[in-house]
Structure formats: C-alpha cells, structure tokens
C-alpha cells in the first residue's frame, strides 16, 4: 500500500493547468459525492462544470498555483490558491470585519483542497496545503467551507484556521464559513 511518504507532490503554474482540469475535477467529484448527486448544486455553483469555470477564471491571477498529489502515478488530491487583495477576497460587505493584518498583509485565497476518499486522513491535504503556503508565501490564508463539510472543517482546524464569519458569494448562493489562518511572514 502506498503511504503519504510515497506521495509525489507537484506544483503547477497557470500555463500547465488547462490540460489538468478534468483530472482535478474528477478528484473534486470523488471528494464531494453529496454535491455531484445533488440536482440543486449546479445552481449554487457547486458542480464539476462550475469548478471548471471557477479554475479557468482564477488562472488570470498573478501567482496562481495548483498543487497535485500523486500516488503510483495517479492523482489523488489537489489544491489551488493565489495571492489576492482583501477587497477581492472578502468583498465590500466583509472586508472591514476581518483582522487588520488579513486586510493589509499578503493574503492567499485558498480556493479548493480535495483528496479522494480512500486517501483521506493520511496527511495528504496537509502536505498540499503546505506546498501552497510555500509557493505563495502569504502572511494570511483564507478559505470558504460549507458548514456541512465536517471532514474539511476538521482538517482546517488542525491546520490552525479559525472561523471568521458567514460568507455568501452571491445573494442567493449557499452560505459558507469564512476561515482565516495567520501564517506570518516566515513560513
């Protein structure tokens, strides 16, 4: 059996991502079967086509990084993030409610982090997260998690993220938990 120490972790910039969209979307679908089988998920932007659109739209951000974990040559997990401004990430309704450092220091927007279920709880998500932090070197990291995503919340809590408030991408979209991590200038 392959262990997390047998993992190969690769980081890709924007130019290498388009051919990998189906691979990462397949990982995402495996990690979120409750969304794949939910007919309302597409209208909430929580679907494989929505993920394709989301990643493609984020490729334009300077410093974009995709990290993929491989076991035996097969992709088993991924995450992607990019440096962003607080105004972009938090939006006008929330930007004044986050800590000053999250508004003024280097901020990483962590957009997705998913590991196939057979590979979860082996440290792979933590390793992907660590590689994103190395690649982007933020002072703060922020992400959105569905309140129902208990496994994700458990991982983010172990990584040090703290709840910062409720967040909606759109007025009629699902409510997420906004999570923040103070990374510091030295990773």
Protein backbone atom coordinates (compact mmCIF):
# COMPACT_ATOMS: atom_id res chain seq x y z
CA UNK A 1 0.00 0.00 0.00
CA UNK A 2 1.24 3.50 -0.84
CA UNK A 3 1.72 5.78 2.15
CA UNK A 4 1.73 9.55 2.27
CA UNK A 5 5.54 9.42 2.35
CA UNK A 6 5.41 7.73 -1.07
CA UNK A 7 3.48 10.68 -2.47
CA UNK A 8 4.85 12.84 -5.21
CA UNK A 9 3.71 16.45 -4.84
CA UNK A 10 3.91 18.72 -7.89
CA UNK A 11 3.19 22.42 -8.18
CA UNK A 12 1.92 23.88 -11.46
CA UNK A 13 1.56 27.44 -12.68
CA UNK A 14 -1.36 28.71 -14.79
CA UNK A 15 0.04 27.58 -18.15
CA UNK A 16 0.08 23.91 -17.09
CA UNK A 17 -3.45 23.84 -15.61
CA UNK A 18 -5.89 23.66 -18.57
CA UNK A 19 -4.93 20.11 -19.60
CA UNK A 20 -5.38 19.04 -15.96
CA UNK A 21 -8.90 20.40 -15.45
CA UNK A 22 -10.59 17.03 -15.94
CA UNK A 23 -8.17 15.31 -13.56
CA UNK A 24 -8.73 17.79 -10.72
CA UNK A 25 -12.47 17.88 -11.41
CA UNK A 26 -12.57 14.10 -11.07
CA UNK A 27 -10.79 14.32 -7.70
CA UNK A 28 -13.22 17.04 -6.59
CA UNK A 29 -16.22 14.91 -7.63
CA UNK A 30 -14.85 11.89 -5.74
CA UNK A 31 -14.35 14.04 -2.63
CA UNK A 32 -17.83 15.62 -2.85
CA UNK A 33 -20.32 12.91 -3.90
CA UNK A 34 -23.08 14.69 -1.99
CA UNK A 35 -22.74 17.64 -4.39
CA UNK A 36 -22.33 15.59 -7.57
CA UNK A 37 -25.60 13.78 -6.89
CA UNK A 38 -27.45 16.94 -5.82
CA UNK A 39 -29.50 18.48 -8.66
CA UNK A 40 -29.51 21.88 -6.91
CA UNK A 41 -25.72 22.02 -6.63
CA UNK A 42 -25.24 23.36 -10.18
CA UNK A 43 -27.47 26.36 -9.49
CA UNK A 44 -25.39 27.05 -6.36
CA UNK A 45 -22.10 26.86 -8.28
CA UNK A 46 -21.12 23.59 -6.59
CA UNK A 47 -20.65 21.25 -9.55
CA UNK A 48 -17.96 19.94 -11.87
CA UNK A 49 -18.86 22.45 -14.63
CA UNK A 50 -18.81 25.24 -12.03
CA UNK A 51 -15.39 24.07 -10.84
CA UNK A 52 -14.08 24.21 -14.43
CA UNK A 53 -15.39 27.78 -14.77
CA UNK A 54 -14.01 28.77 -11.39
CA UNK A 55 -10.49 27.47 -12.03
CA UNK A 56 -10.40 28.89 -15.56
CA UNK A 57 -11.45 32.29 -14.21
CA UNK A 58 -8.81 32.21 -11.48
CA UNK A 59 -5.92 31.39 -13.85
CA UNK A 60 -5.56 35.10 -14.61
CA UNK A 61 -4.38 35.86 -11.06
CA UNK A 62 -0.68 36.56 -10.73
CA UNK A 63 0.93 33.88 -8.55
CA UNK A 64 -1.75 31.23 -9.18
CA UNK A 65 -0.55 27.79 -8.00
CA UNK A 66 -2.07 24.32 -8.41
CA UNK A 67 -0.64 21.54 -6.25
CA UNK A 68 -1.38 17.91 -7.11
CA UNK A 69 -0.53 14.84 -5.02
CA UNK A 70 0.23 11.62 -6.91
CA UNK A 71 0.36 8.04 -5.63
CA UNK A 72 1.73 5.49 -8.05
CA UNK A 73 1.37 8.00 -10.88
CA UNK A 74 -2.33 8.60 -10.16
CA UNK A 75 -3.59 11.99 -8.96
CA UNK A 76 -5.20 11.52 -5.55
CA UNK A 77 -5.51 15.09 -4.27
CA UNK A 78 -5.18 18.70 -5.30
CA UNK A 79 -5.44 22.24 -4.07
CA UNK A 80 -5.14 25.61 -5.67
CA UNK A 81 -4.75 29.15 -4.46
CA UNK A 82 -3.44 32.55 -5.43
CA UNK A 83 -2.36 35.78 -3.77
CA UNK A 84 -5.21 38.28 -3.72
CA UNK A 85 -6.34 41.53 -2.20
CA UNK A 86 -8.64 41.63 0.79
CA UNK A 87 -11.16 43.68 -1.19
CA UNK A 88 -11.30 40.97 -3.86
CA UNK A 89 -11.40 38.02 -1.47
CA UNK A 90 -13.70 39.26 1.30
CA UNK A 91 -15.84 41.67 -0.69
CA UNK A 92 -17.12 45.05 0.49
CA UNK A 93 -19.59 43.58 3.00
CA UNK A 94 -16.98 41.68 4.99
CA UNK A 95 -13.61 43.33 4.42
CA UNK A 96 -13.97 45.65 7.43
CA UNK A 97 -14.86 42.73 9.72
CA UNK A 98 -11.67 40.70 9.30
CA UNK A 99 -8.46 41.37 11.26
CA UNK A 100 -6.38 44.28 10.01
CA UNK A 101 -3.50 42.01 9.03
CA UNK A 102 -5.77 40.00 6.75
CA UNK A 103 -6.66 43.27 5.01
CA UNK A 104 -3.17 44.75 4.77
CA UNK A 105 -0.66 41.89 4.62
CA UNK A 106 -0.05 39.30 1.88
CA UNK A 107 -3.23 37.20 1.61
CA UNK A 108 -3.66 33.79 -0.02
CA UNK A 109 -7.10 32.83 -1.25
CA UNK A 110 -7.31 29.03 -0.95
CA UNK A 111 -9.99 28.08 -3.44
CA UNK A 112 -10.08 24.29 -3.40
CA UNK A 113 -8.46 21.46 -1.48
CA UNK A 114 -9.73 17.95 -2.15
CA UNK A 115 -8.44 14.43 -1.61
CA UNK A 116 -10.06 11.25 -2.91
CA UNK A 117 -11.83 9.45 -0.02
CA UNK A 118 -9.55 6.36 0.05
CA UNK A 119 -6.60 8.71 0.52
CA UNK A 120 -8.11 10.99 3.17
CA UNK A 121 -6.75 11.04 6.74
CA UNK A 122 -3.21 10.27 5.57
CA UNK A 123 -1.76 13.79 5.76
CA UNK A 124 -2.13 14.46 2.03
CA UNK A 125 -4.37 17.51 2.48
CA UNK A 126 -1.88 18.93 4.97
CA UNK A 127 1.00 18.36 2.55
CA UNK A 128 -0.89 20.02 -0.33
CA UNK A 129 -1.70 22.96 1.95
CA UNK A 130 1.94 23.23 2.99
CA UNK A 131 3.09 23.30 -0.64
CA UNK A 132 0.59 26.07 -1.44
CA UNK A 133 1.91 28.09 1.51
CA UNK A 134 5.49 27.60 0.28
CA UNK A 135 4.57 28.57 -3.26
CA UNK A 136 2.61 31.71 -2.37
CA UNK A 137 4.33 32.74 0.91
CA UNK A 138 1.35 34.55 2.42
CA UNK A 139 1.06 36.17 5.83
CA UNK A 140 -2.62 35.17 5.92
CA UNK A 141 -4.65 32.45 4.24
CA UNK A 142 -8.40 32.37 3.85
CA UNK A 143 -10.88 29.86 2.51
CA UNK A 144 -14.57 29.15 2.31
CA UNK A 145 -16.02 25.87 3.57
CA UNK A 146 -19.57 24.62 3.55
CA UNK A 147 -20.76 24.30 7.17
CA UNK A 148 -21.76 20.70 6.38
CA UNK A 149 -18.19 19.77 5.32
CA UNK A 150 -17.14 18.24 8.66
CA UNK A 151 -14.04 16.46 7.32
CA UNK A 152 -12.86 19.68 5.72
CA UNK A 153 -13.52 21.64 8.91
CA UNK A 154 -11.56 19.05 10.90
CA UNK A 155 -8.57 19.43 8.56
CA UNK A 156 -8.73 23.23 8.54
CA UNK A 157 -8.97 23.31 12.33
CA UNK A 158 -5.86 21.08 12.60
CA UNK A 159 -4.07 23.46 10.22
CA UNK A 160 -4.96 26.39 12.50
CA UNK A 161 -7.79 28.07 10.59
CA UNK A 162 -10.37 29.93 12.64
CA UNK A 163 -13.95 30.85 11.88
CA UNK A 164 -14.26 34.50 10.80
CA UNK A 165 -17.96 34.64 9.93
CA UNK A 166 -20.58 33.63 7.39
CA UNK A 167 -20.00 34.39 3.70
CA UNK A 168 -22.05 34.23 0.50
CA UNK A 169 -20.56 34.54 -2.99
CA UNK A 170 -23.93 35.75 -4.27
CA UNK A 171 -27.09 36.96 -2.54
CA UNK A 172 -28.93 33.72 -3.36
CA UNK A 173 -25.90 31.41 -3.11
CA UNK A 174 -25.12 28.99 -0.31
CA UNK A 175 -23.74 30.26 2.97
CA UNK A 176 -20.13 29.30 3.62
CA UNK A 177 -17.96 29.55 6.70
CA UNK A 178 -15.16 32.03 6.10
CA UNK A 179 -11.99 30.68 7.72
CA UNK A 180 -8.75 32.56 8.35
CA UNK A 181 -5.21 31.48 9.18
CA UNK A 182 -2.45 33.80 10.35
CA UNK A 183 0.63 32.35 8.66
CA UNK A 184 3.16 35.05 9.36
CA UNK A 185 5.96 36.48 7.27
CA UNK A 186 8.14 33.38 7.74
CA UNK A 187 6.65 30.04 6.82
